[in-house]
PDB file of all heavy atoms in Angstrom:
ATOM      1  N   HIS A   1     -18.691  -9.292   7.258  1.00  0.00           N
ATOM      2  CA  HIS A   1     -17.772  -8.797   6.157  1.00  0.00           C
ATOM      3  C   HIS A   1     -16.938  -7.672   6.621  1.00  0.00           C
ATOM      4  O   HIS A   1     -17.448  -6.578   7.192  1.00  0.00           O
ATOM      5  CB  HIS A   1     -18.642  -8.279   5.009  1.00  0.00           C
ATOM      6  CG  HIS A   1     -17.801  -7.649   3.907  1.00  0.00           C
ATOM      7  ND1 HIS A   1     -18.127  -6.356   3.335  1.00  0.00           N
ATOM      8  CD2 HIS A   1     -16.664  -8.071   3.236  1.00  0.00           C
ATOM      9  CE1 HIS A   1     -17.192  -6.088   2.429  1.00  0.00           C
ATOM     10  NE2 HIS A   1     -16.310  -7.049   2.335  1.00  0.00           N
ATOM     11  N   SER A   2     -15.658  -7.962   6.814  1.00  0.00           N
ATOM     12  CA  SER A   2     -14.669  -6.846   7.255  1.00  0.00           C
ATOM     13  C   SER A   2     -13.338  -7.509   6.977  1.00  0.00           C
ATOM     14  O   SER A   2     -13.124  -8.593   6.438  1.00  0.00           O
ATOM     15  CB  SER A   2     -14.865  -6.513   8.666  1.00  0.00           C
ATOM     16  OG  SER A   2     -14.681  -7.691   9.538  1.00  0.00           O
ATOM     17  N   GLY A   3     -12.235  -6.720   7.299  1.00  0.00           N
ATOM     18  CA  GLY A   3     -10.906  -7.052   6.905  1.00  0.00           C
ATOM     19  C   GLY A   3      -9.929  -6.927   8.063  1.00  0.00           C
ATOM     20  O   GLY A   3     -10.247  -7.309   9.258  1.00  0.00           O
ATOM     21  N   SER A   4      -8.733  -6.383   7.769  1.00  0.00           N
ATOM     22  CA  SER A   4      -7.680  -6.404   8.793  1.00  0.00           C
ATOM     23  C   SER A   4      -7.552  -5.043   9.428  1.00  0.00           C
ATOM     24  O   SER A   4      -6.439  -4.795  10.046  1.00  0.00           O
ATOM     25  CB  SER A   4      -6.398  -6.828   8.077  1.00  0.00           C
ATOM     26  OG  SER A   4      -6.095  -6.001   6.878  1.00  0.00           O
ATOM     27  N   ARG A   5      -8.516  -4.217   9.360  1.00  0.00           N
ATOM     28  CA  ARG A   5      -8.690  -3.023  10.152  1.00  0.00           C
ATOM     29  C   ARG A   5      -7.472  -2.050   9.892  1.00  0.00           C
ATOM     30  O   ARG A   5      -6.907  -2.028   8.865  1.00  0.00           O
ATOM     31  CB  ARG A   5      -8.868  -3.337  11.668  1.00  0.00           C
ATOM     32  CG  ARG A   5      -9.962  -4.263  11.874  1.00  0.00           C
ATOM     33  CD  ARG A   5     -11.334  -3.617  11.680  1.00  0.00           C
ATOM     34  NE  ARG A   5     -11.635  -2.648  12.699  1.00  0.00           N
ATOM     35  CZ  ARG A   5     -11.639  -1.368  12.467  1.00  0.00           C
ATOM     36  NH1 ARG A   5     -11.360  -0.850  11.310  1.00  0.00           N
ATOM     37  NH2 ARG A   5     -11.897  -0.482  13.505  1.00  0.00           N
ATOM     38  N   GLY A   6      -7.123  -1.276  10.947  1.00  0.00           N
ATOM     39  CA  GLY A   6      -6.098  -0.253  10.775  1.00  0.00           C
ATOM     40  C   GLY A   6      -4.726  -0.894  10.466  1.00  0.00           C
ATOM     41  O   GLY A   6      -3.887  -0.259   9.784  1.00  0.00           O
ATOM     42  N   PHE A   7      -4.509  -2.058  10.973  1.00  0.00           N
ATOM     43  CA  PHE A   7      -3.236  -2.798  10.696  1.00  0.00           C
ATOM     44  C   PHE A   7      -3.015  -2.967   9.180  1.00  0.00           C
ATOM     45  O   PHE A   7      -2.018  -2.574   8.617  1.00  0.00           O
ATOM     46  CB  PHE A   7      -3.166  -4.124  11.435  1.00  0.00           C
ATOM     47  CG  PHE A   7      -2.037  -4.960  10.963  1.00  0.00           C
ATOM     48  CD1 PHE A   7      -0.702  -4.549  11.125  1.00  0.00           C
ATOM     49  CD2 PHE A   7      -2.289  -6.228  10.417  1.00  0.00           C
ATOM     50  CE1 PHE A   7       0.345  -5.359  10.777  1.00  0.00           C
ATOM     51  CE2 PHE A   7      -1.212  -7.051   9.934  1.00  0.00           C
ATOM     52  CZ  PHE A   7       0.134  -6.638  10.179  1.00  0.00           C
ATOM     53  N   GLY A   8      -4.072  -3.600   8.571  1.00  0.00           N
ATOM     54  CA  GLY A   8      -3.882  -3.840   7.112  1.00  0.00           C
ATOM     55  C   GLY A   8      -3.907  -2.634   6.269  1.00  0.00           C
ATOM     56  O   GLY A   8      -3.101  -2.498   5.286  1.00  0.00           O
ATOM     57  N   GLY A   9      -4.656  -1.526   6.719  1.00  0.00           N
ATOM     58  CA  GLY A   9      -4.624  -0.369   5.954  1.00  0.00           C
ATOM     59  C   GLY A   9      -3.236   0.356   5.991  1.00  0.00           C
ATOM     60  O   GLY A   9      -2.818   0.873   4.976  1.00  0.00           O
ATOM     61  N   ALA A  10      -2.685   0.412   7.154  1.00  0.00           N
ATOM     62  CA  ALA A  10      -1.373   0.988   7.362  1.00  0.00           C
ATOM     63  C   ALA A  10      -0.301   0.286   6.527  1.00  0.00           C
ATOM     64  O   ALA A  10       0.604   0.828   5.922  1.00  0.00           O
ATOM     65  CB  ALA A  10      -0.968   1.068   8.791  1.00  0.00           C
ATOM     66  N   VAL A  11      -0.310  -1.042   6.577  1.00  0.00           N
ATOM     67  CA  VAL A  11       0.618  -1.867   5.771  1.00  0.00           C
ATOM     68  C   VAL A  11       0.422  -1.573   4.306  1.00  0.00           C
ATOM     69  O   VAL A  11       1.471  -1.371   3.595  1.00  0.00           O
ATOM     70  CB  VAL A  11       0.358  -3.445   6.053  1.00  0.00           C
ATOM     71  CG1 VAL A  11       1.076  -4.245   4.936  1.00  0.00           C
ATOM     72  CG2 VAL A  11       0.848  -3.679   7.413  1.00  0.00           C
ATOM     73  N   ALA A  12      -0.878  -1.529   3.830  1.00  0.00           N
ATOM     74  CA  ALA A  12      -1.148  -1.287   2.417  1.00  0.00           C
ATOM     75  C   ALA A  12      -0.589   0.051   1.999  1.00  0.00           C
ATOM     76  O   ALA A  12       0.091   0.296   0.949  1.00  0.00           O
ATOM     77  CB  ALA A  12      -2.631  -1.423   2.129  1.00  0.00           C
ATOM     78  N   ASN A  13      -0.866   1.116   2.824  1.00  0.00           N
ATOM     79  CA  ASN A  13      -0.457   2.437   2.429  1.00  0.00           C
ATOM     80  C   ASN A  13       1.110   2.572   2.395  1.00  0.00           C
ATOM     81  O   ASN A  13       1.628   3.210   1.460  1.00  0.00           O
ATOM     82  CB  ASN A  13      -1.009   3.447   3.406  1.00  0.00           C
ATOM     83  CG  ASN A  13      -2.495   3.699   3.336  1.00  0.00           C
ATOM     84  OD1 ASN A  13      -2.991   3.535   2.197  1.00  0.00           O
ATOM     85  ND2 ASN A  13      -3.184   3.953   4.300  1.00  0.00           N
ATOM     86  N   TYR A  14       1.770   1.979   3.366  1.00  0.00           N
ATOM     87  CA  TYR A  14       3.162   2.082   3.424  1.00  0.00           C
ATOM     88  C   TYR A  14       3.879   1.460   2.272  1.00  0.00           C
ATOM     89  O   TYR A  14       4.738   1.970   1.538  1.00  0.00           O
ATOM     90  CB  TYR A  14       3.723   1.467   4.767  1.00  0.00           C
ATOM     91  CG  TYR A  14       5.304   1.508   4.830  1.00  0.00           C
ATOM     92  CD1 TYR A  14       5.897   2.561   5.373  1.00  0.00           C
ATOM     93  CD2 TYR A  14       6.062   0.379   4.446  1.00  0.00           C
ATOM     94  CE1 TYR A  14       7.279   2.671   5.519  1.00  0.00           C
ATOM     95  CE2 TYR A  14       7.401   0.438   4.533  1.00  0.00           C
ATOM     96  CZ  TYR A  14       8.039   1.515   5.031  1.00  0.00           C
ATOM     97  OH  TYR A  14       9.430   1.550   5.157  1.00  0.00           O
ATOM     98  N   TYR A  15       3.458   0.141   1.877  1.00  0.00           N
ATOM     99  CA  TYR A  15       4.124  -0.581   0.853  1.00  0.00           C
ATOM    100  C   TYR A  15       3.610  -0.170  -0.495  1.00  0.00           C
ATOM    101  O   TYR A  15       4.310  -0.412  -1.510  1.00  0.00           O
ATOM    102  CB  TYR A  15       4.013  -2.033   1.141  1.00  0.00           C
ATOM    103  CG  TYR A  15       4.927  -2.526   2.225  1.00  0.00           C
ATOM    104  CD1 TYR A  15       4.397  -2.784   3.535  1.00  0.00           C
ATOM    105  CD2 TYR A  15       6.203  -2.693   2.087  1.00  0.00           C
ATOM    106  CE1 TYR A  15       5.220  -3.119   4.600  1.00  0.00           C
ATOM    107  CE2 TYR A  15       7.098  -3.066   3.191  1.00  0.00           C
ATOM    108  CZ  TYR A  15       6.572  -3.271   4.379  1.00  0.00           C
ATOM    109  OH  TYR A  15       7.386  -3.631   5.455  1.00  0.00           O
ATOM    110  N   SER A  16       2.436   0.340  -0.639  1.00  0.00           N
ATOM    111  CA  SER A  16       2.026   0.866  -1.924  1.00  0.00           C
ATOM    112  C   SER A  16       2.940   2.067  -2.386  1.00  0.00           C
ATOM    113  O   SER A  16       3.406   2.209  -3.488  1.00  0.00           O
ATOM    114  CB  SER A  16       0.535   1.350  -1.872  1.00  0.00           C
ATOM    115  OG  SER A  16      -0.272   0.180  -1.784  1.00  0.00           O
ATOM    116  N   LYS A  17       3.189   3.025  -1.392  1.00  0.00           N
ATOM    117  CA  LYS A  17       4.032   4.106  -1.645  1.00  0.00           C
ATOM    118  C   LYS A  17       5.435   3.615  -1.935  1.00  0.00           C
ATOM    119  O   LYS A  17       6.173   4.136  -2.866  1.00  0.00           O
ATOM    120  CB  LYS A  17       4.035   5.098  -0.445  1.00  0.00           C
ATOM    121  CG  LYS A  17       2.732   5.827  -0.247  1.00  0.00           C
ATOM    122  CD  LYS A  17       2.742   6.612   1.052  1.00  0.00           C
ATOM    123  CE  LYS A  17       1.412   7.384   1.196  1.00  0.00           C
ATOM    124  NZ  LYS A  17       1.429   8.123   2.497  1.00  0.00           N
ATOM    125  N   LEU A  18       5.921   2.698  -1.210  1.00  0.00           N
ATOM    126  CA  LEU A  18       7.281   2.134  -1.394  1.00  0.00           C
ATOM    127  C   LEU A  18       7.361   1.543  -2.787  1.00  0.00           C
ATOM    128  O   LEU A  18       8.420   1.720  -3.459  1.00  0.00           O
ATOM    129  CB  LEU A  18       7.630   1.053  -0.348  1.00  0.00           C
ATOM    130  CG  LEU A  18       9.072   0.541  -0.415  1.00  0.00           C
ATOM    131  CD1 LEU A  18      10.101   1.681  -0.178  1.00  0.00           C
ATOM    132  CD2 LEU A  18       9.188  -0.426   0.716  1.00  0.00           C
ATOM    133  N   ALA A  19       6.394   0.750  -3.178  1.00  0.00           N
ATOM    134  CA  ALA A  19       6.341   0.141  -4.505  1.00  0.00           C
ATOM    135  C   ALA A  19       6.441   1.178  -5.638  1.00  0.00           C
ATOM    136  O   ALA A  19       7.167   1.059  -6.621  1.00  0.00           O
ATOM    137  CB  ALA A  19       5.157  -0.753  -4.716  1.00  0.00           C
ATOM    138  N   MET A  20       5.670   2.258  -5.483  1.00  0.00           N
ATOM    139  CA  MET A  20       5.697   3.317  -6.451  1.00  0.00           C
ATOM    140  C   MET A  20       7.010   4.130  -6.506  1.00  0.00           C
ATOM    141  O   MET A  20       7.372   4.679  -7.555  1.00  0.00           O
ATOM    142  CB  MET A  20       4.537   4.275  -6.162  1.00  0.00           C
ATOM    143  CG  MET A  20       3.174   3.645  -6.374  1.00  0.00           C
ATOM    144  SD  MET A  20       1.811   4.648  -5.851  1.00  0.00           S
ATOM    145  CE  MET A  20       1.759   5.976  -7.092  1.00  0.00           C
ATOM    146  N   GLN A  21       7.796   4.042  -5.392  1.00  0.00           N
ATOM    147  CA  GLN A  21       9.154   4.672  -5.416  1.00  0.00           C
ATOM    148  C   GLN A  21      10.133   3.791  -6.093  1.00  0.00           C
ATOM    149  O   GLN A  21      11.057   4.217  -6.909  1.00  0.00           O
ATOM    150  CB  GLN A  21       9.564   4.848  -3.956  1.00  0.00           C
ATOM    151  CG  GLN A  21       8.861   5.921  -3.225  1.00  0.00           C
ATOM    152  CD  GLN A  21       9.243   5.983  -1.761  1.00  0.00           C
ATOM    153  OE1 GLN A  21      10.136   5.316  -1.341  1.00  0.00           O
ATOM    154  NE2 GLN A  21       8.466   6.697  -0.960  1.00  0.00           N
ATOM    155  N   LYS A  22       9.955   2.487  -5.939  1.00  0.00           N
ATOM    156  CA  LYS A  22      10.884   1.433  -6.489  1.00  0.00           C
ATOM    157  C   LYS A  22      10.599   1.139  -7.989  1.00  0.00           C
ATOM    158  O   LYS A  22      11.457   0.891  -8.725  1.00  0.00           O
ATOM    159  CB  LYS A  22      10.864   0.157  -5.700  1.00  0.00           C
ATOM    160  CG  LYS A  22      11.259   0.355  -4.237  1.00  0.00           C
ATOM    161  CD  LYS A  22      12.795   0.628  -4.113  1.00  0.00           C
ATOM    162  CE  LYS A  22      13.280   0.795  -2.668  1.00  0.00           C
ATOM    163  NZ  LYS A  22      14.688   1.015  -2.541  1.00  0.00           N
ATOM    164  N   THR A  23       9.358   1.121  -8.270  1.00  0.00           N
ATOM    165  CA  THR A  23       8.894   0.757  -9.706  1.00  0.00           C
ATOM    166  C   THR A  23       8.177   1.861 -10.311  1.00  0.00           C
ATOM    167  O   THR A  23       6.986   2.148  -9.885  1.00  0.00           O
ATOM    168  CB  THR A  23       8.011  -0.489  -9.674  1.00  0.00           C
ATOM    169  OG1 THR A  23       8.588  -1.552  -8.953  1.00  0.00           O
ATOM    170  CG2 THR A  23       7.580  -0.957 -10.999  1.00  0.00           C
ATOM    171  N   ARG A  24       8.795   2.541 -11.234  1.00  0.00           N
ATOM    172  CA  ARG A  24       8.269   3.760 -11.873  1.00  0.00           C
ATOM    173  C   ARG A  24       7.546   3.315 -13.221  1.00  0.00           C
ATOM    174  O   ARG A  24       8.291   2.628 -14.043  1.00  0.00           O
ATOM    175  CB  ARG A  24       9.225   4.838 -12.025  1.00  0.00           C
ATOM    176  CG  ARG A  24       9.732   5.383 -10.712  1.00  0.00           C
ATOM    177  CD  ARG A  24      10.598   6.584 -10.981  1.00  0.00           C
ATOM    178  NE  ARG A  24      11.819   6.223 -11.547  1.00  0.00           N
ATOM    179  CZ  ARG A  24      12.969   5.896 -10.907  1.00  0.00           C
ATOM    180  NH1 ARG A  24      12.925   5.921  -9.559  1.00  0.00           N
ATOM    181  NH2 ARG A  24      14.127   5.547 -11.523  1.00  0.00           N
ATOM    182  N   LEU A  25       6.261   3.600 -13.310  1.00  0.00           N
ATOM    183  CA  LEU A  25       5.485   3.236 -14.463  1.00  0.00           C
ATOM    184  C   LEU A  25       4.903   4.421 -15.101  1.00  0.00           C
ATOM    185  O   LEU A  25       4.771   5.442 -14.422  1.00  0.00           O
ATOM    186  CB  LEU A  25       4.379   2.239 -14.036  1.00  0.00           C
ATOM    187  CG  LEU A  25       4.910   0.821 -13.585  1.00  0.00           C
ATOM    188  CD1 LEU A  25       3.822   0.081 -12.842  1.00  0.00           C
ATOM    189  CD2 LEU A  25       5.399   0.057 -14.820  1.00  0.00           C
ATOM    190  N   PRO A  26       4.379   4.289 -16.347  1.00  0.00           N
ATOM    191  CA  PRO A  26       3.567   5.521 -16.947  1.00  0.00           C
ATOM    192  C   PRO A  26       2.454   5.787 -16.039  1.00  0.00           C
ATOM    193  O   PRO A  26       1.924   5.000 -15.244  1.00  0.00           O
ATOM    194  CB  PRO A  26       3.086   4.892 -18.274  1.00  0.00           C
ATOM    195  CG  PRO A  26       4.124   3.790 -18.652  1.00  0.00           C
ATOM    196  CD  PRO A  26       4.600   3.265 -17.301  1.00  0.00           C
ATOM    197  N   LYS A  27       2.002   7.066 -16.196  1.00  0.00           N
ATOM    198  CA  LYS A  27       1.000   7.666 -15.243  1.00  0.00           C
ATOM    199  C   LYS A  27      -0.234   6.742 -15.040  1.00  0.00           C
ATOM    200  O   LYS A  27      -0.722   6.575 -13.911  1.00  0.00           O
ATOM    201  CB  LYS A  27       0.573   9.054 -15.728  1.00  0.00           C
ATOM    202  CG  LYS A  27      -0.358   9.751 -14.793  1.00  0.00           C
ATOM    203  CD  LYS A  27      -0.730  11.176 -15.259  1.00  0.00           C
ATOM    204  CE  LYS A  27      -1.678  11.882 -14.333  1.00  0.00           C
ATOM    205  NZ  LYS A  27      -1.949  13.219 -14.844  1.00  0.00           N
TER     206      LYS A  27
END
């Protein structure tokens, strides 16, 4: 049981922040 390691984590962090910049939702 494991995933995509540091690669997946960095991708997730970068695009999660980008999504929150582009799509603003209630808190």
